[in-house]
Amino acid sequence: MTEVWLTQEAHDRLKAELDALVAERPVIAAEINERREEGDLKENGGYHAARDEQAKQEQRIRQLQELMRSAQVGVAPADNGIVEPGMVVTVAYDGDEDDTETFLVGSREEGAHGDLQVYSPQSPLGSAILGGSAGETREYLLPNGNMQKVVIVQAKPYTG
């Protein structure tokens, strides 16, 4: 996994979620044991549901642990106008210079910050503009198979 940029608030929220999931492990294990004692496991819906819940919970725990290991928390990128994670970027869509969008380049786990959406650096738009600077035109593939051009208008560090 590559390094992930997170705000301090997002890191704290995700850490709290991880702590809660880890604390919940004994409860799920007790539920599985209780359902196991009900008898025939082949036809025990409660047992299978508890096992499925445990699998989902463990997957999320592993995901959060990996994210925490690779997180770059709250460190503002250099104010050099180059698009990278942690930057608030404004782009204009080709063909309509009045059609602009401003967003934060960061982890999808970041969530929206008020009206500011978050685009992952791995998203089509995010990966197209990484390393770019104001005035550059970049293009990326849309889900319908067409190419979309954007002009980078501005890139500045996220300040909260």
C-alpha atoms as a PDB file:
ATOM      1  CA  MET A   1       0.000   0.000   0.000  1.00  0.00           C
ATOM      2  CA  THR A   2       1.269   3.460  -0.824  1.00  0.00           C
ATOM      3  CA  GLU A   3       1.458   6.346   1.597  1.00  0.00           C
ATOM      4  CA  VAL A   4      -1.953   7.865   2.342  1.00  0.00           C
ATOM      5  CA  TRP A   5      -2.552  11.492   3.288  1.00  0.00           C
ATOM      6  CA  LEU A   6      -5.111  12.114   6.068  1.00  0.00           C
ATOM      7  CA  THR A   7      -6.154  15.123   8.089  1.00  0.00           C
ATOM      8  CA  GLN A   8      -5.738  14.807  11.851  1.00  0.00           C
ATOM      9  CA  GLU A   9      -9.545  14.711  12.210  1.00  0.00           C
ATOM     10  CA  ALA A  10      -9.884  11.813   9.767  1.00  0.00           C
ATOM     11  CA  HIS A  11      -7.028   9.949  11.460  1.00  0.00           C
ATOM     12  CA  ASP A  12      -8.653  10.380  14.877  1.00  0.00           C
ATOM     13  CA  ARG A  13     -12.036   9.230  13.546  1.00  0.00           C
ATOM     14  CA  LEU A  14     -10.543   6.149  11.888  1.00  0.00           C
ATOM     15  CA  LYS A  15      -8.462   5.326  14.970  1.00  0.00           C
ATOM     16  CA  ALA A  16     -11.617   5.477  17.117  1.00  0.00           C
ATOM     17  CA  GLU A  17     -13.378   3.161  14.657  1.00  0.00           C
ATOM     18  CA  LEU A  18     -10.452   0.721  14.806  1.00  0.00           C
ATOM     19  CA  ASP A  19     -10.405   0.777  18.607  1.00  0.00           C
ATOM     20  CA  ALA A  20     -14.162   0.130  18.729  1.00  0.00           C
ATOM     21  CA  LEU A  21     -13.912  -2.790  16.295  1.00  0.00           C
ATOM     22  CA  VAL A  22     -11.050  -4.372  18.253  1.00  0.00           C
ATOM     23  CA  ALA A  23     -13.013  -3.945  21.494  1.00  0.00           C
ATOM     24  CA  GLU A  24     -16.005  -5.641  19.824  1.00  0.00           C
ATOM     25  CA  ARG A  25     -14.037  -8.812  18.975  1.00  0.00           C
ATOM     26  CA  PRO A  26     -14.906 -10.663  22.238  1.00  0.00           C
ATOM     27  CA  VAL A  27     -18.605  -9.865  21.776  1.00  0.00           C
ATOM     28  CA  ILE A  28     -18.647 -11.403  18.291  1.00  0.00           C
ATOM     29  CA  ALA A  29     -16.666 -14.426  19.508  1.00  0.00           C
ATOM     30  CA  ALA A  30     -19.154 -14.945  22.347  1.00  0.00           C
ATOM     31  CA  GLU A  31     -22.041 -14.680  19.857  1.00  0.00           C
ATOM     32  CA  ILE A  32     -20.442 -17.351  17.656  1.00  0.00           C
ATOM     33  CA  ASN A  33     -19.924 -19.672  20.648  1.00  0.00           C
ATOM     34  CA  GLU A  34     -23.492 -19.129  21.801  1.00  0.00           C
ATOM     35  CA  ARG A  35     -24.866 -19.933  18.334  1.00  0.00           C
ATOM     36  CA  ARG A  36     -22.571 -22.960  18.012  1.00  0.00           C
ATOM     37  CA  GLU A  37     -24.135 -24.447  21.144  1.00  0.00           C
ATOM     38  CA  GLU A  38     -27.576 -24.317  19.534  1.00  0.00           C
ATOM     39  CA  GLY A  39     -26.839 -27.515  17.638  1.00  0.00           C
ATOM     40  CA  ASP A  40     -26.563 -28.492  13.980  1.00  0.00           C
ATOM     41  CA  LEU A  41     -24.307 -25.933  12.308  1.00  0.00           C
ATOM     42  CA  LYS A  42     -25.524 -26.769   8.781  1.00  0.00           C
ATOM     43  CA  GLU A  43     -28.922 -25.232   9.429  1.00  0.00           C
ATOM     44  CA  ASN A  44     -27.951 -22.657  12.034  1.00  0.00           C
ATOM     45  CA  GLY A  45     -28.588 -19.280  10.397  1.00  0.00           C
ATOM     46  CA  GLY A  46     -27.604 -17.336  13.521  1.00  0.00           C
ATOM     47  CA  TYR A  47     -24.216 -19.046  13.621  1.00  0.00           C
ATOM     48  CA  HIS A  48     -23.507 -18.342   9.952  1.00  0.00           C
ATOM     49  CA  ALA A  49     -24.653 -14.728  10.293  1.00  0.00           C
ATOM     50  CA  ALA A  50     -22.324 -14.232  13.280  1.00  0.00           C
ATOM     51  CA  ARG A  51     -19.415 -15.793  11.347  1.00  0.00           C
ATOM     52  CA  ASP A  52     -20.111 -13.512   8.369  1.00  0.00           C
ATOM     53  CA  GLU A  53     -20.197 -10.487  10.663  1.00  0.00           C
ATOM     54  CA  GLN A  54     -16.903 -11.562  12.222  1.00  0.00           C
ATOM     55  CA  ALA A  55     -15.292 -11.903   8.772  1.00  0.00           C
ATOM     56  CA  LYS A  56     -16.454  -8.404   7.741  1.00  0.00           C
ATOM     57  CA  GLN A  57     -15.249  -6.952  11.016  1.00  0.00           C
ATOM     58  CA  GLU A  58     -11.815  -8.583  10.715  1.00  0.00           C
ATOM     59  CA  GLN A  59     -11.475  -7.357   7.141  1.00  0.00           C
ATOM     60  CA  ARG A  60     -12.231  -3.781   8.214  1.00  0.00           C
ATOM     61  CA  ILE A  61      -9.764  -4.089  11.124  1.00  0.00           C
ATOM     62  CA  ARG A  62      -7.005  -5.207   8.730  1.00  0.00           C
ATOM     63  CA  GLN A  63      -7.890  -2.395   6.308  1.00  0.00           C
ATOM     64  CA  LEU A  64      -7.745   0.243   9.053  1.00  0.00           C
ATOM     65  CA  GLN A  65      -4.512  -1.148  10.510  1.00  0.00           C
ATOM     66  CA  GLU A  66      -2.832  -0.998   7.095  1.00  0.00           C
ATOM     67  CA  LEU A  67      -4.166   2.518   6.540  1.00  0.00           C
ATOM     68  CA  MET A  68      -2.810   3.670   9.918  1.00  0.00           C
ATOM     69  CA  ARG A  69       0.614   2.161   9.129  1.00  0.00           C
ATOM     70  CA  SER A  70       0.862   4.078   5.850  1.00  0.00           C
ATOM     71  CA  ALA A  71      -0.840   7.319   6.905  1.00  0.00           C
ATOM     72  CA  GLN A  72       0.832  10.691   6.513  1.00  0.00           C
ATOM     73  CA  VAL A  73      -1.216  12.619   9.074  1.00  0.00           C
ATOM     74  CA  GLY A  74      -1.825  16.335   8.805  1.00  0.00           C
ATOM     75  CA  VAL A  75       1.539  17.121   7.247  1.00  0.00           C
ATOM     76  CA  ALA A  76       0.890  19.882   4.740  1.00  0.00           C
ATOM     77  CA  PRO A  77       2.560  19.376   1.390  1.00  0.00           C
ATOM     78  CA  ALA A  78       4.898  22.043   0.068  1.00  0.00           C
ATOM     79  CA  ASP A  79       3.157  25.184  -1.175  1.00  0.00           C
ATOM     80  CA  ASN A  80       4.722  24.865  -4.614  1.00  0.00           C
ATOM     81  CA  GLY A  81       1.548  24.577  -6.708  1.00  0.00           C
ATOM     82  CA  ILE A  82       2.221  20.985  -7.706  1.00  0.00           C
ATOM     83  CA  VAL A  83      -0.730  18.610  -7.292  1.00  0.00           C
ATOM     84  CA  GLU A  84      -0.123  15.929  -4.667  1.00  0.00           C
ATOM     85  CA  PRO A  85      -2.093  14.372  -1.802  1.00  0.00           C
ATOM     86  CA  GLY A  86      -3.045  17.004   0.737  1.00  0.00           C
ATOM     87  CA  MET A  87      -3.601  19.703  -1.871  1.00  0.00           C
ATOM     88  CA  VAL A  88      -6.846  21.550  -2.551  1.00  0.00           C
ATOM     89  CA  VAL A  89      -7.112  21.656  -6.314  1.00  0.00           C
ATOM     90  CA  THR A  90      -9.319  23.680  -8.626  1.00  0.00           C
ATOM     91  CA  VAL A  91      -9.793  22.382 -12.157  1.00  0.00           C
ATOM     92  CA  ALA A  92     -11.716  23.752 -15.118  1.00  0.00           C
ATOM     93  CA  TYR A  93     -13.387  21.305 -17.449  1.00  0.00           C
ATOM     94  CA  ASP A  94     -12.250  21.633 -21.050  1.00  0.00           C
ATOM     95  CA  GLY A  95     -14.714  23.424 -23.265  1.00  0.00           C
ATOM     96  CA  ASP A  96     -16.265  25.422 -20.426  1.00  0.00           C
ATOM     97  CA  GLU A  97     -13.743  27.449 -18.454  1.00  0.00           C
ATOM     98  CA  ASP A  98     -16.564  28.636 -16.142  1.00  0.00           C
ATOM     99  CA  ASP A  99     -17.254  25.013 -15.134  1.00  0.00           C
ATOM    100  CA  THR A 100     -14.766  24.596 -12.281  1.00  0.00           C
ATOM    101  CA  GLU A 101     -14.532  22.176  -9.398  1.00  0.00           C
ATOM    102  CA  THR A 102     -12.476  22.468  -6.222  1.00  0.00           C
ATOM    103  CA  PHE A 103     -11.628  19.365  -4.187  1.00  0.00           C
ATOM    104  CA  LEU A 104      -9.085  17.839  -1.815  1.00  0.00           C
ATOM    105  CA  VAL A 105      -6.730  15.172  -3.119  1.00  0.00           C
ATOM    106  CA  GLY A 106      -6.597  12.615  -0.314  1.00  0.00           C
ATOM    107  CA  SER A 107      -7.777   9.260   0.956  1.00  0.00           C
ATOM    108  CA  ARG A 108     -11.353   8.154   0.297  1.00  0.00           C
ATOM    109  CA  GLU A 109     -11.465   7.478   4.040  1.00  0.00           C
ATOM    110  CA  GLU A 110     -11.043  11.206   4.513  1.00  0.00           C
ATOM    111  CA  GLY A 111     -14.687  11.933   3.733  1.00  0.00           C
ATOM    112  CA  ALA A 112     -16.025  15.305   2.651  1.00  0.00           C
ATOM    113  CA  HIS A 113     -14.969  18.484   4.441  1.00  0.00           C
ATOM    114  CA  GLY A 114     -18.061  20.680   4.323  1.00  0.00           C
ATOM    115  CA  ASP A 115     -18.600  21.476   0.659  1.00  0.00           C
ATOM    116  CA  LEU A 116     -15.120  20.232  -0.248  1.00  0.00           C
ATOM    117  CA  GLN A 117     -15.236  16.779  -1.840  1.00  0.00           C
ATOM    118  CA  VAL A 118     -12.284  14.385  -1.609  1.00  0.00           C
ATOM    119  CA  TYR A 119     -10.812  12.630  -4.633  1.00  0.00           C
ATOM    120  CA  SER A 120      -8.408   9.767  -4.201  1.00  0.00           C
ATOM    121  CA  PRO A 121      -5.029  10.049  -5.923  1.00  0.00           C
ATOM    122  CA  GLN A 122      -5.898   6.656  -7.429  1.00  0.00           C
ATOM    123  CA  SER A 123      -9.174   7.909  -8.963  1.00  0.00           C
ATOM    124  CA  PRO A 124      -9.125   8.629 -12.709  1.00  0.00           C
ATOM    125  CA  LEU A 125      -9.159  12.416 -12.145  1.00  0.00           C
ATOM    126  CA  GLY A 126      -6.776  12.242  -9.181  1.00  0.00           C
ATOM    127  CA  SER A 127      -4.171  10.165 -10.990  1.00  0.00           C
ATOM    128  CA  ALA A 128      -4.435  12.337 -14.124  1.00  0.00           C
ATOM    129  CA  ILE A 129      -3.611  15.564 -12.287  1.00  0.00           C
ATOM    130  CA  LEU A 130      -0.939  14.262  -9.865  1.00  0.00           C
ATOM    131  CA  GLY A 131       2.310  16.078 -10.467  1.00  0.00           C
ATOM    132  CA  GLY A 132       0.602  18.789 -12.507  1.00  0.00           C
ATOM    133  CA  SER A 133       0.611  22.501 -11.846  1.00  0.00           C
ATOM    134  CA  ALA A 134      -1.519  25.529 -12.696  1.00  0.00           C
ATOM    135  CA  GLY A 135      -2.111  26.012 -16.403  1.00  0.00           C
ATOM    136  CA  GLU A 136      -1.470  22.390 -17.354  1.00  0.00           C
ATOM    137  CA  THR A 137      -4.100  20.418 -19.245  1.00  0.00           C
ATOM    138  CA  ARG A 138      -4.543  16.775 -18.309  1.00  0.00           C
ATOM    139  CA  GLU A 139      -7.023  14.162 -19.467  1.00  0.00           C
ATOM    140  CA  TYR A 140      -8.553  11.057 -18.007  1.00  0.00           C
ATOM    141  CA  LEU A 141     -10.896   8.265 -19.036  1.00  0.00           C
ATOM    142  CA  LEU A 142     -14.569   8.601 -18.089  1.00  0.00           C
ATOM    143  CA  PRO A 143     -16.660   5.527 -17.189  1.00  0.00           C
ATOM    144  CA  ASN A 144     -18.469   5.811 -20.552  1.00  0.00           C
ATOM    145  CA  GLY A 145     -15.145   5.404 -22.392  1.00  0.00           C
ATOM    146  CA  ASN A 146     -14.765   9.054 -23.429  1.00  0.00           C
ATOM    147  CA  MET A 147     -11.770  11.175 -22.527  1.00  0.00           C
ATOM    148  CA  GLN A 148     -12.243  14.299 -20.369  1.00  0.00           C
ATOM    149  CA  LYS A 149      -9.757  17.161 -20.422  1.00  0.00           C
ATOM    150  CA  VAL A 150      -9.258  19.408 -17.402  1.00  0.00           C
ATOM    151  CA  VAL A 151      -7.091  22.439 -16.888  1.00  0.00           C
ATOM    152  CA  ILE A 152      -5.474  22.757 -13.471  1.00  0.00           C
ATOM    153  CA  VAL A 153      -6.378  26.242 -12.248  1.00  0.00           C
ATOM    154  CA  GLN A 154      -4.813  26.157  -8.801  1.00  0.00           C
ATOM    155  CA  ALA A 155      -3.261  23.774  -6.258  1.00  0.00           C
ATOM    156  CA  LYS A 156      -2.635  24.836  -2.675  1.00  0.00           C
ATOM    157  CA  PRO A 157      -2.063  22.936   0.585  1.00  0.00           C
ATOM    158  CA  TYR A 158      -5.105  21.968   2.646  1.00  0.00           C
ATOM    159  CA  THR A 159      -5.234  24.102   5.786  1.00  0.00           C
ATOM    160  CA  GLY A 160      -8.319  22.721   7.491  1.00  0.00           C
END
